Amino acid sequence: MSGYPNMREFYQKGLILIGENDRAALMQKSGENTSHEGSTHWLIAMEGSEKQPDIYQWKVLIYPSDSKKVNCYKSPYFSSQHFSSIHDAINYSNELSQKAREDQLNTLE
């Protein structure tokens, strides 16, 4: 496992500016890992992996990024449980996008 997302089945949404509360949570979570210091935005994406031939499972990932690149694919801020339906993953990614716009991703566990 390379630690990088499966780019063949990787669908990202538009970048969302990180709010003050979420930035504080990101810095606390990253501890001494300085790769997130330049992060100004969230990238929310869905990643699919083939569970069986032609049957995919999906998870929603949140990565810290700046306006041009993801700062660290190896350690997402958040990774969801797997969904058996892409539609469920899309709905959940929309919920997370709304939380990000409201500066509430810091409430995720």
N, C-alpha and C. Protein backbone atom coordinates (compact mmCIF):
# COMPACT_ATOMS: atom_id res chain seq x y z
N MET A 1 0.86 -1.19 0.00
CA MET A 1 0.00 0.00 0.00
C MET A 1 0.89 1.23 0.00
N SER A 2 0.67 2.10 -0.93
CA SER A 2 1.53 3.27 -1.08
C SER A 2 1.14 4.41 -0.15
N GLY A 3 -0.04 4.41 0.40
CA GLY A 3 -0.48 5.52 1.23
C GLY A 3 -1.13 6.64 0.42
N TYR A 4 -1.16 6.50 -0.88
CA TYR A 4 -1.79 7.51 -1.73
C TYR A 4 -3.15 7.01 -2.17
N PRO A 5 -4.06 7.93 -2.46
CA PRO A 5 -5.40 7.49 -2.88
C PRO A 5 -5.37 6.78 -4.22
N ASN A 6 -6.41 6.01 -4.44
CA ASN A 6 -6.60 5.31 -5.71
C ASN A 6 -7.08 6.35 -6.72
N MET A 7 -6.15 6.89 -7.49
CA MET A 7 -6.51 7.97 -8.41
C MET A 7 -7.41 7.52 -9.56
N ARG A 8 -7.50 6.23 -9.77
CA ARG A 8 -8.40 5.74 -10.81
C ARG A 8 -9.86 5.99 -10.43
N GLU A 9 -10.18 5.84 -9.17
CA GLU A 9 -11.54 6.07 -8.66
C GLU A 9 -11.47 7.11 -7.55
N PHE A 10 -11.08 8.33 -7.91
CA PHE A 10 -10.91 9.42 -6.95
C PHE A 10 -11.64 10.64 -7.50
N TYR A 11 -12.64 11.09 -6.76
CA TYR A 11 -13.47 12.19 -7.23
C TYR A 11 -13.49 13.28 -6.17
N GLN A 12 -12.94 14.43 -6.53
CA GLN A 12 -12.84 15.50 -5.55
C GLN A 12 -13.85 16.60 -5.83
N LYS A 13 -14.16 17.32 -4.75
CA LYS A 13 -15.04 18.47 -4.85
C LYS A 13 -14.16 19.72 -4.88
N GLY A 14 -14.77 20.87 -5.06
CA GLY A 14 -14.03 22.12 -5.04
C GLY A 14 -13.46 22.41 -3.66
N LEU A 15 -12.38 23.16 -3.62
CA LEU A 15 -11.73 23.50 -2.36
C LEU A 15 -12.63 24.40 -1.51
N ILE A 16 -12.52 24.22 -0.19
CA ILE A 16 -13.29 25.02 0.77
C ILE A 16 -12.30 25.65 1.73
N LEU A 17 -12.41 26.95 1.93
CA LEU A 17 -11.52 27.68 2.83
C LEU A 17 -11.64 27.14 4.25
N ILE A 18 -10.52 26.92 4.92
CA ILE A 18 -10.53 26.43 6.31
C ILE A 18 -10.87 27.58 7.24
N GLY A 19 -11.86 27.37 8.11
CA GLY A 19 -12.24 28.37 9.10
C GLY A 19 -11.32 28.35 10.30
N GLU A 20 -11.45 29.33 11.17
CA GLU A 20 -10.58 29.46 12.35
C GLU A 20 -10.65 28.26 13.28
N ASN A 21 -11.85 27.79 13.59
CA ASN A 21 -12.00 26.66 14.51
C ASN A 21 -11.41 25.38 13.92
N ASP A 22 -11.68 25.16 12.64
CA ASP A 22 -11.15 23.97 11.98
C ASP A 22 -9.63 24.04 11.84
N ARG A 23 -9.10 25.23 11.60
CA ARG A 23 -7.64 25.37 11.50
C ARG A 23 -6.98 25.04 12.83
N ALA A 24 -7.55 25.51 13.93
CA ALA A 24 -7.01 25.20 15.26
C ALA A 24 -7.04 23.69 15.51
N ALA A 25 -8.14 23.03 15.12
CA ALA A 25 -8.25 21.58 15.29
C ALA A 25 -7.22 20.86 14.43
N LEU A 26 -7.02 21.34 13.20
CA LEU A 26 -6.03 20.73 12.31
C LEU A 26 -4.63 20.84 12.90
N MET A 27 -4.28 22.01 13.41
CA MET A 27 -2.94 22.21 13.98
C MET A 27 -2.75 21.34 15.22
N GLN A 28 -3.80 21.21 16.03
CA GLN A 28 -3.72 20.37 17.23
C GLN A 28 -3.55 18.90 16.83
N LYS A 29 -4.30 18.47 15.83
CA LYS A 29 -4.24 17.07 15.39
C LYS A 29 -2.90 16.75 14.75
N SER A 30 -2.34 17.71 14.01
CA SER A 30 -1.09 17.44 13.31
C SER A 30 0.12 17.46 14.24
N GLY A 31 -0.01 18.09 15.41
CA GLY A 31 1.08 18.09 16.39
C GLY A 31 2.36 18.65 15.80
N GLU A 32 3.40 17.84 15.80
CA GLU A 32 4.70 18.28 15.30
C GLU A 32 4.85 18.10 13.79
N ASN A 33 3.86 17.54 13.13
CA ASN A 33 3.89 17.37 11.68
C ASN A 33 3.68 18.74 11.04
N THR A 34 4.72 19.29 10.46
CA THR A 34 4.65 20.64 9.91
C THR A 34 4.09 20.69 8.49
N SER A 35 3.76 19.56 7.90
CA SER A 35 3.28 19.55 6.51
C SER A 35 1.93 20.25 6.35
N HIS A 36 1.20 20.44 7.44
CA HIS A 36 -0.12 21.07 7.34
C HIS A 36 -0.09 22.57 7.62
N GLU A 37 1.06 23.11 7.99
CA GLU A 37 1.13 24.52 8.38
C GLU A 37 0.66 25.48 7.29
N GLY A 38 0.94 25.18 6.03
CA GLY A 38 0.54 26.06 4.93
C GLY A 38 -0.86 25.81 4.42
N SER A 39 -1.59 24.95 5.09
CA SER A 39 -2.94 24.59 4.63
C SER A 39 -3.91 25.75 4.81
N THR A 40 -4.62 26.06 3.76
CA THR A 40 -5.61 27.14 3.79
C THR A 40 -7.00 26.65 3.39
N HIS A 41 -7.06 25.46 2.78
CA HIS A 41 -8.31 24.93 2.25
C HIS A 41 -8.47 23.45 2.61
N TRP A 42 -9.71 22.99 2.51
CA TRP A 42 -10.02 21.56 2.61
C TRP A 42 -10.29 21.03 1.21
N LEU A 43 -9.82 19.85 0.94
CA LEU A 43 -10.21 19.12 -0.26
C LEU A 43 -11.00 17.90 0.21
N ILE A 44 -12.24 17.82 -0.18
CA ILE A 44 -13.11 16.69 0.18
C ILE A 44 -13.25 15.83 -1.06
N ALA A 45 -13.02 14.54 -0.90
CA ALA A 45 -13.02 13.64 -2.06
C ALA A 45 -13.63 12.30 -1.68
N MET A 46 -14.04 11.57 -2.72
CA MET A 46 -14.49 10.20 -2.55
C MET A 46 -13.49 9.30 -3.25
N GLU A 47 -13.17 8.20 -2.60
CA GLU A 47 -12.24 7.23 -3.16
C GLU A 47 -12.93 5.87 -3.22
N GLY A 48 -12.89 5.26 -4.38
CA GLY A 48 -13.49 3.94 -4.55
C GLY A 48 -12.42 2.88 -4.63
N SER A 49 -12.72 1.75 -4.04
CA SER A 49 -11.82 0.60 -4.17
C SER A 49 -12.67 -0.62 -4.52
N GLU A 50 -12.12 -1.46 -5.36
CA GLU A 50 -12.85 -2.63 -5.83
C GLU A 50 -12.85 -3.71 -4.76
N LYS A 51 -14.03 -4.00 -4.26
CA LYS A 51 -14.20 -5.02 -3.23
C LYS A 51 -14.23 -6.41 -3.87
N GLN A 52 -14.94 -6.51 -4.96
CA GLN A 52 -15.03 -7.71 -5.79
C GLN A 52 -15.06 -7.20 -7.22
N PRO A 53 -14.87 -8.06 -8.21
CA PRO A 53 -14.92 -7.56 -9.58
C PRO A 53 -16.21 -6.76 -9.84
N ASP A 54 -16.02 -5.52 -10.26
CA ASP A 54 -17.12 -4.60 -10.60
C ASP A 54 -18.00 -4.21 -9.41
N ILE A 55 -17.56 -4.46 -8.19
CA ILE A 55 -18.29 -4.03 -7.00
C ILE A 55 -17.34 -3.16 -6.18
N TYR A 56 -17.72 -1.89 -6.01
CA TYR A 56 -16.86 -0.94 -5.33
C TYR A 56 -17.41 -0.58 -3.96
N GLN A 57 -16.48 -0.22 -3.09
CA GLN A 57 -16.85 0.40 -1.82
C GLN A 57 -16.21 1.78 -1.83
N TRP A 58 -16.83 2.71 -1.13
CA TRP A 58 -16.43 4.11 -1.20
C TRP A 58 -16.16 4.65 0.18
N LYS A 59 -15.22 5.56 0.28
CA LYS A 59 -15.04 6.30 1.51
C LYS A 59 -14.84 7.77 1.16
N VAL A 60 -15.16 8.61 2.12
CA VAL A 60 -15.02 10.05 1.94
C VAL A 60 -13.80 10.48 2.76
N LEU A 61 -12.94 11.26 2.11
CA LEU A 61 -11.70 11.72 2.73
C LEU A 61 -11.65 13.24 2.73
N ILE A 62 -11.02 13.79 3.76
CA ILE A 62 -10.80 15.23 3.82
C ILE A 62 -9.30 15.46 3.97
N TYR A 63 -8.75 16.22 3.04
CA TYR A 63 -7.32 16.53 3.05
C TYR A 63 -7.09 18.02 3.26
N PRO A 64 -6.11 18.37 4.09
CA PRO A 64 -5.69 19.77 4.15
C PRO A 64 -4.93 20.10 2.86
N SER A 65 -5.14 21.28 2.34
CA SER A 65 -4.45 21.67 1.12
C SER A 65 -4.24 23.18 1.13
N ASP A 66 -3.51 23.65 0.14
CA ASP A 66 -3.49 25.08 -0.10
C ASP A 66 -4.30 25.29 -1.39
N SER A 67 -4.22 26.44 -1.97
CA SER A 67 -5.07 26.69 -3.14
C SER A 67 -4.59 25.97 -4.40
N LYS A 68 -3.40 25.34 -4.34
CA LYS A 68 -2.85 24.70 -5.53
C LYS A 68 -2.62 23.20 -5.39
N LYS A 69 -2.41 22.70 -4.17
CA LYS A 69 -2.06 21.28 -4.02
C LYS A 69 -2.46 20.76 -2.64
N VAL A 70 -2.65 19.45 -2.59
CA VAL A 70 -2.88 18.78 -1.31
C VAL A 70 -1.53 18.66 -0.62
N ASN A 71 -1.50 19.02 0.65
CA ASN A 71 -0.22 19.04 1.37
C ASN A 71 0.25 17.66 1.81
N CYS A 72 -0.67 16.74 2.00
CA CYS A 72 -0.22 15.42 2.44
C CYS A 72 -1.32 14.38 2.19
N TYR A 73 -1.18 13.63 1.09
CA TYR A 73 -2.15 12.57 0.79
C TYR A 73 -2.04 11.41 1.77
N LYS A 74 -0.87 11.26 2.39
CA LYS A 74 -0.67 10.10 3.26
C LYS A 74 -1.42 10.20 4.58
N SER A 75 -1.78 11.39 4.98
CA SER A 75 -2.48 11.52 6.26
C SER A 75 -3.66 12.47 6.13
N PRO A 76 -4.81 11.94 5.68
CA PRO A 76 -5.99 12.81 5.59
C PRO A 76 -6.42 13.27 6.98
N TYR A 77 -7.06 14.42 7.03
CA TYR A 77 -7.61 14.92 8.29
C TYR A 77 -8.71 14.00 8.78
N PHE A 78 -9.48 13.45 7.83
CA PHE A 78 -10.62 12.59 8.17
C PHE A 78 -10.81 11.55 7.08
N SER A 79 -11.15 10.35 7.48
CA SER A 79 -11.49 9.27 6.56
C SER A 79 -12.74 8.58 7.10
N SER A 80 -13.76 8.47 6.29
CA SER A 80 -15.03 7.89 6.74
C SER A 80 -14.98 6.37 6.73
N GLN A 81 -16.05 5.80 7.21
CA GLN A 81 -16.29 4.36 7.05
C GLN A 81 -16.52 4.10 5.57
N HIS A 82 -16.52 2.86 5.17
CA HIS A 82 -16.79 2.52 3.78
C HIS A 82 -18.30 2.52 3.52
N PHE A 83 -18.66 2.99 2.35
CA PHE A 83 -20.05 2.97 1.89
C PHE A 83 -20.14 1.99 0.73
N SER A 84 -21.22 1.24 0.67
CA SER A 84 -21.40 0.31 -0.45
C SER A 84 -22.04 0.98 -1.65
N SER A 85 -22.53 2.19 -1.47
CA SER A 85 -23.20 2.92 -2.55
C SER A 85 -22.48 4.25 -2.78
N ILE A 86 -22.18 4.54 -4.03
CA ILE A 86 -21.57 5.84 -4.34
C ILE A 86 -22.53 6.98 -4.00
N HIS A 87 -23.82 6.73 -4.10
CA HIS A 87 -24.81 7.76 -3.78
C HIS A 87 -24.77 8.13 -2.29
N ASP A 88 -24.58 7.12 -1.44
CA ASP A 88 -24.44 7.39 0.00
C ASP A 88 -23.16 8.18 0.27
N ALA A 89 -22.09 7.84 -0.42
CA ALA A 89 -20.82 8.56 -0.26
C ALA A 89 -20.97 10.00 -0.74
N ILE A 90 -21.66 10.22 -1.85
CA ILE A 90 -21.89 11.57 -2.34
C ILE A 90 -22.70 12.38 -1.33
N ASN A 91 -23.75 11.79 -0.80
CA ASN A 91 -24.57 12.49 0.21
C ASN A 91 -23.74 12.86 1.43
N TYR A 92 -22.91 11.92 1.88
CA TYR A 92 -22.08 12.20 3.06
C TYR A 92 -21.04 13.28 2.74
N SER A 93 -20.45 13.23 1.55
CA SER A 93 -19.48 14.27 1.18
C SER A 93 -20.15 15.64 1.13
N ASN A 94 -21.41 15.69 0.72
CA ASN A 94 -22.15 16.96 0.72
C ASN A 94 -22.37 17.46 2.14
N GLU A 95 -22.68 16.55 3.07
CA GLU A 95 -22.83 16.93 4.48
C GLU A 95 -21.52 17.48 5.03
N LEU A 96 -20.41 16.82 4.70
CA LEU A 96 -19.11 17.28 5.19
C LEU A 96 -18.73 18.62 4.56
N SER A 97 -19.09 18.82 3.31
CA SER A 97 -18.82 20.11 2.67
C SER A 97 -19.56 21.23 3.40
N GLN A 98 -20.80 20.96 3.77
CA GLN A 98 -21.57 21.96 4.51
C GLN A 98 -20.93 22.25 5.86
N LYS A 99 -20.51 21.20 6.56
CA LYS A 99 -19.81 21.38 7.84
C LYS A 99 -18.55 22.21 7.66
N ALA A 100 -17.81 21.97 6.58
CA ALA A 100 -16.58 22.72 6.32
C ALA A 100 -16.90 24.19 6.10
N ARG A 101 -17.95 24.49 5.34
CA ARG A 101 -18.32 25.88 5.09
C ARG A 101 -18.76 26.58 6.38
N GLU A 102 -19.28 25.81 7.32
CA GLU A 102 -19.74 26.36 8.59
C GLU A 102 -18.64 26.31 9.67
N ASP A 103 -17.42 25.92 9.29
CA ASP A 103 -16.29 25.84 10.23
C ASP A 103 -16.58 24.84 11.36
N GLN A 104 -17.18 23.69 11.00
CA GLN A 104 -17.59 22.69 11.99
C GLN A 104 -16.96 21.31 11.78
N LEU A 105 -15.94 21.19 10.94
CA LEU A 105 -15.30 19.88 10.79
C LEU A 105 -14.59 19.46 12.07
N ASN A 106 -14.28 20.41 12.91
CA ASN A 106 -13.62 20.11 14.18
C ASN A 106 -14.50 19.28 15.10
N THR A 107 -15.77 19.14 14.78
CA THR A 107 -16.67 18.34 15.62
C THR A 107 -16.70 16.87 15.22
N LEU A 108 -16.01 16.52 14.12
CA LEU A 108 -15.98 15.13 13.66
C LEU A 108 -15.14 14.28 14.60
N GLU A 109 -15.53 13.03 14.75
CA GLU A 109 -14.75 12.10 15.57
C GLU A 109 -14.18 11.02 14.72
